[in-house]
Amino acid sequence: MSCVELLRTQAFLDGELDQAASRDAERHMESCAECQGFAATAAETSDLIRRHSARTNAPAHLKRAVMAAIAAPARKEKRFGGFWAGAGSGAGLMAMAAALVIFLGLPPTTASLADAVITAHTNAMMQGTEIAVVSSNHHTVKPWFSGKIALSPPVADFADQGFVLTGGRIQNVDGIAMAVVVYAHDAHHVDLFVWPAKGAAPAGLQNYHGYQAMMWRTGDLDFAAVSDMDSGELKKFAALVQAVRE
């Protein structure tokens, strides 16, 4: 029997619920195998589409044709009715496009997201783009994000604990604009990715290709601390960030 909370679970995955409703939905999912399975299937489908679908800008003439088809009055089908006729119509194409947009809009799985932030971390270092604003002063780094991204990441210097603030940047990761606060720990480079919370909270330690991502949620923000340092040090850094009160 279908769970009566499936629609609310869908809304939660789409990021349409407020914080209180999101907490209720998460509590329900903890004890509902059907909703857990639904969330896992939706996330896996979203990941598959992201990995295997090509992203390209539609040419101007195609955009005009689509908009004209939407604006045109619906024509009655005289022949060849049924599913494929409807799918081939403007309404059918729009429905399929809407379904694709819904799946692309779903948040990725924790594993997929960890892979994405680790790839972003290594790409930034290889390309020399790891720091856009260079400063060890949080009064310089934090205001730099203002007006550039729709969130305010926590920025603190943990030099006394061995994690020195060195700057920040903004990076697009898997279609999500993220604030990245950058730290140095001995010879290690540490990136703190911050982005708006959506769907199920990412959590735990993920490891890819010698790099690690520690992920968690605080309030309406999601976090990933990424580095090649050992897991104990990365967890220590994450605990310092989680203790920040702004």
C-alpha atoms as a PDB file:
ATOM      1  CA  MET A   1       0.000   0.000   0.000  1.00  0.00           C
ATOM      2  CA  SER A   2       1.330   3.445  -0.927  1.00  0.00           C
ATOM      3  CA  CYS A   3       2.392   5.671   1.956  1.00  0.00           C
ATOM      4  CA  VAL A   4       0.137   8.688   2.410  1.00  0.00           C
ATOM      5  CA  GLU A   5       3.264  10.794   3.027  1.00  0.00           C
ATOM      6  CA  LEU A   6       4.788  10.212  -0.438  1.00  0.00           C
ATOM      7  CA  LEU A   7       3.712  13.624  -1.738  1.00  0.00           C
ATOM      8  CA  ARG A   8       5.263  15.346   1.269  1.00  0.00           C
ATOM      9  CA  THR A   9       8.426  13.282   0.777  1.00  0.00           C
ATOM     10  CA  GLN A  10       8.544  14.471  -2.837  1.00  0.00           C
ATOM     11  CA  ALA A  11       8.114  18.085  -1.708  1.00  0.00           C
ATOM     12  CA  PHE A  12      10.905  17.592   0.835  1.00  0.00           C
ATOM     13  CA  LEU A  13      13.257  16.217  -1.834  1.00  0.00           C
ATOM     14  CA  ASP A  14      12.388  19.166  -4.082  1.00  0.00           C
ATOM     15  CA  GLY A  15      13.306  21.614  -1.280  1.00  0.00           C
ATOM     16  CA  GLU A  16       9.780  23.037  -1.122  1.00  0.00           C
ATOM     17  CA  LEU A  17       9.207  22.636   2.628  1.00  0.00           C
ATOM     18  CA  ASP A  18      10.099  25.067   5.386  1.00  0.00           C
ATOM     19  CA  GLN A  19      12.475  24.008   8.163  1.00  0.00           C
ATOM     20  CA  ALA A  20       9.765  22.719  10.507  1.00  0.00           C
ATOM     21  CA  ALA A  21       8.028  20.686   7.795  1.00  0.00           C
ATOM     22  CA  SER A  22      11.405  19.403   6.561  1.00  0.00           C
ATOM     23  CA  ARG A  23      12.237  18.107  10.044  1.00  0.00           C
ATOM     24  CA  ASP A  24       8.861  16.336  10.192  1.00  0.00           C
ATOM     25  CA  ALA A  25       9.462  14.786   6.765  1.00  0.00           C
ATOM     26  CA  GLU A  26      12.941  13.603   7.786  1.00  0.00           C
ATOM     27  CA  ARG A  27      11.580  12.011  10.965  1.00  0.00           C
ATOM     28  CA  HIS A  28       8.916  10.206   8.936  1.00  0.00           C
ATOM     29  CA  MET A  29      11.491   8.918   6.427  1.00  0.00           C
ATOM     30  CA  GLU A  30      13.575   7.451   9.241  1.00  0.00           C
ATOM     31  CA  SER A  31      10.802   4.916   9.952  1.00  0.00           C
ATOM     32  CA  CYS A  32       9.197   4.520   6.505  1.00  0.00           C
ATOM     33  CA  ALA A  33      10.856   2.023   4.179  1.00  0.00           C
ATOM     34  CA  GLU A  34       8.649   3.064   1.255  1.00  0.00           C
ATOM     35  CA  CYS A  35       9.621   6.732   1.473  1.00  0.00           C
ATOM     36  CA  GLN A  36      13.279   5.782   1.963  1.00  0.00           C
ATOM     37  CA  GLY A  37      13.128   3.688  -1.200  1.00  0.00           C
ATOM     38  CA  PHE A  38      11.375   6.477  -3.096  1.00  0.00           C
ATOM     39  CA  ALA A  39      14.045   9.007  -2.041  1.00  0.00           C
ATOM     40  CA  ALA A  40      16.881   6.639  -2.977  1.00  0.00           C
ATOM     41  CA  THR A  41      15.381   5.899  -6.406  1.00  0.00           C
ATOM     42  CA  ALA A  42      14.776   9.589  -7.113  1.00  0.00           C
ATOM     43  CA  ALA A  43      18.340  10.515  -6.144  1.00  0.00           C
ATOM     44  CA  GLU A  44      19.846   7.689  -8.209  1.00  0.00           C
ATOM     45  CA  THR A  45      17.768   8.714 -11.239  1.00  0.00           C
ATOM     46  CA  SER A  46      18.879  12.314 -10.812  1.00  0.00           C
ATOM     47  CA  ASP A  47      22.518  11.199 -10.632  1.00  0.00           C
ATOM     48  CA  LEU A  48      22.176   9.097 -13.802  1.00  0.00           C
ATOM     49  CA  ILE A  49      20.664  12.002 -15.727  1.00  0.00           C
ATOM     50  CA  ARG A  50      23.413  14.350 -14.559  1.00  0.00           C
ATOM     51  CA  ARG A  51      26.161  11.926 -15.547  1.00  0.00           C
ATOM     52  CA  HIS A  52      24.844  10.866 -18.921  1.00  0.00           C
ATOM     53  CA  SER A  53      22.834  13.778 -20.317  1.00  0.00           C
ATOM     54  CA  ALA A  54      24.639  16.366 -22.412  1.00  0.00           C
ATOM     55  CA  ARG A  55      24.140  19.990 -21.396  1.00  0.00           C
ATOM     56  CA  THR A  56      23.966  22.480 -24.235  1.00  0.00           C
ATOM     57  CA  ASN A  57      22.276  25.763 -25.013  1.00  0.00           C
ATOM     58  CA  ALA A  58      19.365  25.482 -27.427  1.00  0.00           C
ATOM     59  CA  PRO A  59      19.773  27.563 -30.607  1.00  0.00           C
ATOM     60  CA  ALA A  60      17.598  30.654 -30.948  1.00  0.00           C
ATOM     61  CA  HIS A  61      15.408  29.163 -33.706  1.00  0.00           C
ATOM     62  CA  LEU A  62      14.584  26.139 -31.524  1.00  0.00           C
ATOM     63  CA  LYS A  63      13.630  28.365 -28.600  1.00  0.00           C
ATOM     64  CA  ARG A  64      11.332  30.380 -30.875  1.00  0.00           C
ATOM     65  CA  ALA A  65       9.725  27.204 -32.227  1.00  0.00           C
ATOM     66  CA  VAL A  66       9.099  25.815 -28.732  1.00  0.00           C
ATOM     67  CA  MET A  67       7.595  29.090 -27.508  1.00  0.00           C
ATOM     68  CA  ALA A  68       5.375  29.254 -30.600  1.00  0.00           C
ATOM     69  CA  ALA A  69       4.186  25.692 -30.001  1.00  0.00           C
ATOM     70  CA  ILE A  70       3.313  26.548 -26.418  1.00  0.00           C
ATOM     71  CA  ALA A  71       1.385  29.645 -27.459  1.00  0.00           C
ATOM     72  CA  ALA A  72      -0.508  27.905 -30.291  1.00  0.00           C
ATOM     73  CA  PRO A  73      -4.025  26.609 -29.499  1.00  0.00           C
ATOM     74  CA  ALA A  74      -4.228  22.859 -29.004  1.00  0.00           C
ATOM     75  CA  ARG A  75      -5.295  21.028 -32.162  1.00  0.00           C
ATOM     76  CA  LYS A  76      -7.687  18.128 -32.063  1.00  0.00           C
ATOM     77  CA  GLU A  77      -6.091  14.931 -33.287  1.00  0.00           C
ATOM     78  CA  LYS A  78      -8.182  13.430 -36.072  1.00  0.00           C
ATOM     79  CA  ARG A  79      -6.069  10.331 -36.533  1.00  0.00           C
ATOM     80  CA  PHE A  80      -3.357   8.306 -34.858  1.00  0.00           C
ATOM     81  CA  GLY A  81      -4.554   8.861 -31.338  1.00  0.00           C
ATOM     82  CA  GLY A  82      -3.099   7.306 -28.260  1.00  0.00           C
ATOM     83  CA  PHE A  83       0.002   7.806 -26.194  1.00  0.00           C
ATOM     84  CA  TRP A  84       2.589   8.486 -28.901  1.00  0.00           C
ATOM     85  CA  ALA A  85       0.389  11.032 -30.644  1.00  0.00           C
ATOM     86  CA  GLY A  86      -0.025  12.861 -27.365  1.00  0.00           C
ATOM     87  CA  ALA A  87       3.677  12.547 -26.584  1.00  0.00           C
ATOM     88  CA  GLY A  88       4.528  14.012 -29.974  1.00  0.00           C
ATOM     89  CA  SER A  89       2.258  16.991 -29.457  1.00  0.00           C
ATOM     90  CA  GLY A  90       3.406  20.230 -27.877  1.00  0.00           C
ATOM     91  CA  ALA A  91       1.694  19.302 -24.620  1.00  0.00           C
ATOM     92  CA  GLY A  92       3.346  15.878 -24.562  1.00  0.00           C
ATOM     93  CA  LEU A  93       6.782  17.310 -25.224  1.00  0.00           C
ATOM     94  CA  MET A  94       6.297  19.927 -22.541  1.00  0.00           C
ATOM     95  CA  ALA A  95       5.228  17.225 -20.058  1.00  0.00           C
ATOM     96  CA  MET A  96       8.326  15.153 -20.807  1.00  0.00           C
ATOM     97  CA  ALA A  97      10.525  18.234 -20.536  1.00  0.00           C
ATOM     98  CA  ALA A  98       8.907  19.081 -17.196  1.00  0.00           C
ATOM     99  CA  ALA A  99       9.582  15.559 -15.924  1.00  0.00           C
ATOM    100  CA  LEU A 100      13.240  15.894 -16.942  1.00  0.00           C
ATOM    101  CA  VAL A 101      13.509  19.254 -15.161  1.00  0.00           C
ATOM    102  CA  ILE A 102      12.030  17.699 -11.993  1.00  0.00           C
ATOM    103  CA  PHE A 103      14.634  14.924 -11.963  1.00  0.00           C
ATOM    104  CA  LEU A 104      17.473  17.351 -12.707  1.00  0.00           C
ATOM    105  CA  GLY A 105      16.214  19.547  -9.875  1.00  0.00           C
ATOM    106  CA  LEU A 106      16.408  16.774  -7.313  1.00  0.00           C
ATOM    107  CA  PRO A 107      19.408  16.941  -5.004  1.00  0.00           C
ATOM    108  CA  PRO A 108      22.148  14.404  -5.784  1.00  0.00           C
ATOM    109  CA  THR A 109      23.016  11.557  -3.429  1.00  0.00           C
ATOM    110  CA  THR A 110      25.596  12.115  -0.704  1.00  0.00           C
ATOM    111  CA  ALA A 111      28.105   9.916  -2.546  1.00  0.00           C
ATOM    112  CA  SER A 112      27.595  11.743  -5.840  1.00  0.00           C
ATOM    113  CA  LEU A 113      27.831  15.127  -4.132  1.00  0.00           C
ATOM    114  CA  ALA A 114      31.020  14.125  -2.299  1.00  0.00           C
ATOM    115  CA  ASP A 115      32.563  13.047  -5.594  1.00  0.00           C
ATOM    116  CA  ALA A 116      31.556  16.387  -7.125  1.00  0.00           C
ATOM    117  CA  VAL A 117      33.052  18.578  -4.363  1.00  0.00           C
ATOM    118  CA  ILE A 118      36.255  16.537  -4.297  1.00  0.00           C
ATOM    119  CA  THR A 119      36.557  16.941  -8.081  1.00  0.00           C
ATOM    120  CA  ALA A 120      35.898  20.678  -7.722  1.00  0.00           C
ATOM    121  CA  HIS A 121      38.561  20.887  -4.986  1.00  0.00           C
ATOM    122  CA  THR A 122      41.228  19.160  -7.085  1.00  0.00           C
ATOM    123  CA  ASN A 123      40.310  21.078 -10.257  1.00  0.00           C
ATOM    124  CA  ALA A 124      40.640  24.415  -8.463  1.00  0.00           C
ATOM    125  CA  MET A 125      44.102  23.500  -7.196  1.00  0.00           C
ATOM    126  CA  MET A 126      45.305  22.228 -10.571  1.00  0.00           C
ATOM    127  CA  GLN A 127      43.982  25.299 -12.378  1.00  0.00           C
ATOM    128  CA  GLY A 128      45.330  27.755  -9.792  1.00  0.00           C
ATOM    129  CA  THR A 129      41.846  29.121  -9.076  1.00  0.00           C
ATOM    130  CA  GLU A 130      41.541  27.992  -5.465  1.00  0.00           C
ATOM    131  CA  ILE A 131      41.462  31.547  -4.047  1.00  0.00           C
ATOM    132  CA  ALA A 132      39.603  34.550  -5.473  1.00  0.00           C
ATOM    133  CA  VAL A 133      39.919  36.760  -2.399  1.00  0.00           C
ATOM    134  CA  VAL A 134      43.225  36.384  -0.527  1.00  0.00           C
ATOM    135  CA  SER A 135      43.095  37.254   3.170  1.00  0.00           C
ATOM    136  CA  SER A 136      43.493  35.732   6.628  1.00  0.00           C
ATOM    137  CA  ASN A 137      41.047  38.286   8.071  1.00  0.00           C
ATOM    138  CA  HIS A 138      37.443  37.065   8.321  1.00  0.00           C
ATOM    139  CA  HIS A 139      36.299  40.704   8.223  1.00  0.00           C
ATOM    140  CA  THR A 140      37.652  40.789   4.667  1.00  0.00           C
ATOM    141  CA  VAL A 141      36.655  37.333   3.452  1.00  0.00           C
ATOM    142  CA  LYS A 142      33.066  37.196   4.751  1.00  0.00           C
ATOM    143  CA  PRO A 143      31.916  40.524   3.218  1.00  0.00           C
ATOM    144  CA  TRP A 144      33.492  39.487  -0.102  1.00  0.00           C
ATOM    145  CA  PHE A 145      30.754  36.867  -0.556  1.00  0.00           C
ATOM    146  CA  SER A 146      27.996  39.444  -0.042  1.00  0.00           C
ATOM    147  CA  GLY A 147      26.195  40.223  -3.291  1.00  0.00           C
ATOM    148  CA  LYS A 148      28.033  37.450  -5.138  1.00  0.00           C
ATOM    149  CA  ILE A 149      26.065  34.493  -3.779  1.00  0.00           C
ATOM    150  CA  ALA A 150      22.699  34.134  -2.043  1.00  0.00           C
ATOM    151  CA  LEU A 151      24.015  32.883   1.302  1.00  0.00           C
ATOM    152  CA  SER A 152      26.315  33.981   4.082  1.00  0.00           C
ATOM    153  CA  PRO A 153      28.889  31.273   4.888  1.00  0.00           C
ATOM    154  CA  PRO A 154      30.451  31.113   8.352  1.00  0.00           C
ATOM    155  CA  VAL A 155      33.992  32.489   8.155  1.00  0.00           C
ATOM    156  CA  ALA A 156      36.390  32.129  11.075  1.00  0.00           C
ATOM    157  CA  ASP A 157      40.144  31.849  11.504  1.00  0.00           C
ATOM    158  CA  PHE A 158      41.258  28.771  13.445  1.00  0.00           C
ATOM    159  CA  ALA A 159      44.957  29.602  13.368  1.00  0.00           C
ATOM    160  CA  ASP A 160      45.346  28.763  17.056  1.00  0.00           C
ATOM    161  CA  GLN A 161      44.079  25.252  16.286  1.00  0.00           C
ATOM    162  CA  GLY A 162      46.315  24.892  13.225  1.00  0.00           C
ATOM    163  CA  PHE A 163      43.824  25.819  10.481  1.00  0.00           C
ATOM    164  CA  VAL A 164      44.747  29.191   8.966  1.00  0.00           C
ATOM    165  CA  LEU A 165      42.177  31.137   6.961  1.00  0.00           C
ATOM    166  CA  THR A 166      43.672  32.012   3.550  1.00  0.00           C
ATOM    167  CA  GLY A 167      40.716  33.301   1.513  1.00  0.00           C
ATOM    168  CA  GLY A 168      37.672  32.209  -0.434  1.00  0.00           C
ATOM    169  CA  ARG A 169      36.030  31.731  -3.811  1.00  0.00           C
ATOM    170  CA  ILE A 170      32.695  30.883  -5.426  1.00  0.00           C
ATOM    171  CA  GLN A 171      32.494  27.682  -7.449  1.00  0.00           C
ATOM    172  CA  ASN A 172      29.734  25.999  -9.432  1.00  0.00           C
ATOM    173  CA  VAL A 173      29.549  22.346  -8.409  1.00  0.00           C
ATOM    174  CA  ASP A 174      27.147  20.020 -10.205  1.00  0.00           C
ATOM    175  CA  GLY A 175      24.929  22.978 -11.076  1.00  0.00           C
ATOM    176  CA  ILE A 176      24.961  24.407  -7.531  1.00  0.00           C
ATOM    177  CA  ALA A 177      26.644  27.738  -6.757  1.00  0.00           C
ATOM    178  CA  MET A 178      28.736  27.193  -3.617  1.00  0.00           C
ATOM    179  CA  ALA A 179      30.709  29.498  -1.358  1.00  0.00           C
ATOM    180  CA  VAL A 180      34.143  28.021  -0.649  1.00  0.00           C
ATOM    181  CA  VAL A 181      36.134  29.202   2.384  1.00  0.00           C
ATOM    182  CA  VAL A 182      39.792  28.207   2.062  1.00  0.00           C
ATOM    183  CA  TYR A 183      42.178  27.159   4.834  1.00  0.00           C
ATOM    184  CA  ALA A 184      45.750  25.876   5.148  1.00  0.00           C
ATOM    185  CA  HIS A 185      46.748  23.151   7.599  1.00  0.00           C
ATOM    186  CA  ASP A 186      50.489  22.522   7.568  1.00  0.00           C
ATOM    187  CA  ALA A 187      51.124  21.488   3.931  1.00  0.00           C
ATOM    188  CA  HIS A 188      47.463  20.646   3.312  1.00  0.00           C
ATOM    189  CA  HIS A 189      44.843  22.703   1.491  1.00  0.00           C
ATOM    190  CA  VAL A 190      41.355  22.596   3.058  1.00  0.00           C
ATOM    191  CA  ASP A 191      38.186  23.741   1.253  1.00  0.00           C
ATOM    192  CA  LEU A 192      34.948  24.381   3.134  1.00  0.00           C
ATOM    193  CA  PHE A 193      32.079  24.211   0.606  1.00  0.00           C
ATOM    194  CA  VAL A 194      28.801  25.828   1.705  1.00  0.00           C
ATOM    195  CA  TRP A 195      25.490  25.811  -0.180  1.00  0.00           C
ATOM    196  CA  PRO A 196      21.726  26.114   0.518  1.00  0.00           C
ATOM    197  CA  ALA A 197      20.216  23.005   2.086  1.00  0.00           C
ATOM    198  CA  LYS A 198      17.866  20.994  -0.099  1.00  0.00           C
ATOM    199  CA  GLY A 199      16.376  17.545   0.368  1.00  0.00           C
ATOM    200  CA  ALA A 200      17.884  14.964   2.683  1.00  0.00           C
ATOM    201  CA  ALA A 201      20.868  16.145   4.691  1.00  0.00           C
ATOM    202  CA  PRO A 202      24.286  14.961   3.437  1.00  0.00           C
ATOM    203  CA  ALA A 203      26.206  13.303   6.235  1.00  0.00           C
ATOM    204  CA  GLY A 204      29.361  11.382   7.005  1.00  0.00           C
ATOM    205  CA  LEU A 205      32.848  10.934   5.649  1.00  0.00           C
ATOM    206  CA  GLN A 206      33.363  10.048   1.977  1.00  0.00           C
ATOM    207  CA  ASN A 207      36.693   9.102   0.393  1.00  0.00           C
ATOM    208  CA  TYR A 208      37.653   9.383  -3.287  1.00  0.00           C
ATOM    209  CA  HIS A 209      41.066   9.080  -4.933  1.00  0.00           C
ATOM    210  CA  GLY A 210      42.994   9.915  -1.768  1.00  0.00           C
ATOM    211  CA  TYR A 211      40.812  12.923  -0.861  1.00  0.00           C
ATOM    212  CA  GLN A 212      38.137  13.045   1.809  1.00  0.00           C
ATOM    213  CA  ALA A 213      34.911  14.989   2.205  1.00  0.00           C
ATOM    214  CA  MET A 214      33.266  15.439   5.598  1.00  0.00           C
ATOM    215  CA  MET A 215      29.624  16.449   5.071  1.00  0.00           C
ATOM    216  CA  TRP A 216      26.897  17.784   7.358  1.00  0.00           C
ATOM    217  CA  ARG A 217      23.959  20.184   7.647  1.00  0.00           C
ATOM    218  CA  THR A 218      23.517  23.102  10.024  1.00  0.00           C
ATOM    219  CA  GLY A 219      20.246  25.028   9.843  1.00  0.00           C
ATOM    220  CA  ASP A 220      19.468  25.936   6.242  1.00  0.00           C
ATOM    221  CA  LEU A 221      23.008  25.342   4.967  1.00  0.00           C
ATOM    222  CA  ASP A 222      24.851  22.210   3.841  1.00  0.00           C
ATOM    223  CA  PHE A 223      28.620  21.819   4.295  1.00  0.00           C
ATOM    224  CA  ALA A 224      31.482  19.739   2.923  1.00  0.00           C
ATOM    225  CA  ALA A 225      35.023  20.019   4.273  1.00  0.00           C
ATOM    226  CA  VAL A 226      37.423  18.624   1.645  1.00  0.00           C
ATOM    227  CA  SER A 227      41.152  17.872   1.922  1.00  0.00           C
ATOM    228  CA  ASP A 228      43.794  15.182   1.523  1.00  0.00           C
ATOM    229  CA  MET A 229      44.696  15.278   5.230  1.00  0.00           C
ATOM    230  CA  ASP A 230      43.821  12.333   7.457  1.00  0.00           C
ATOM    231  CA  SER A 231      40.266  11.782   8.624  1.00  0.00           C
ATOM    232  CA  GLY A 232      41.012  12.646  12.256  1.00  0.00           C
ATOM    233  CA  GLU A 233      42.265  16.113  11.351  1.00  0.00           C
ATOM    234  CA  LEU A 234      39.374  16.664   8.935  1.00  0.00           C
ATOM    235  CA  LYS A 235      36.853  15.744  11.634  1.00  0.00           C
ATOM    236  CA  LYS A 236      38.614  18.137  14.021  1.00  0.00           C
ATOM    237  CA  PHE A 237      38.279  20.924  11.447  1.00  0.00           C
ATOM    238  CA  ALA A 238      34.591  20.107  10.892  1.00  0.00           C
ATOM    239  CA  ALA A 239      33.951  20.267  14.627  1.00  0.00           C
ATOM    240  CA  LEU A 240      35.561  23.726  14.791  1.00  0.00           C
ATOM    241  CA  VAL A 241      33.298  24.982  11.983  1.00  0.00           C
ATOM    242  CA  GLN A 242      30.210  23.461  13.582  1.00  0.00           C
ATOM    243  CA  ALA A 243      30.997  25.264  16.838  1.00  0.00           C
ATOM    244  CA  VAL A 244      31.009  28.691  15.141  1.00  0.00           C
ATOM    245  CA  ARG A 245      28.075  30.873  16.192  1.00  0.00           C
ATOM    246  CA  GLU A 246      27.369  33.942  14.069  1.00  0.00           C
END
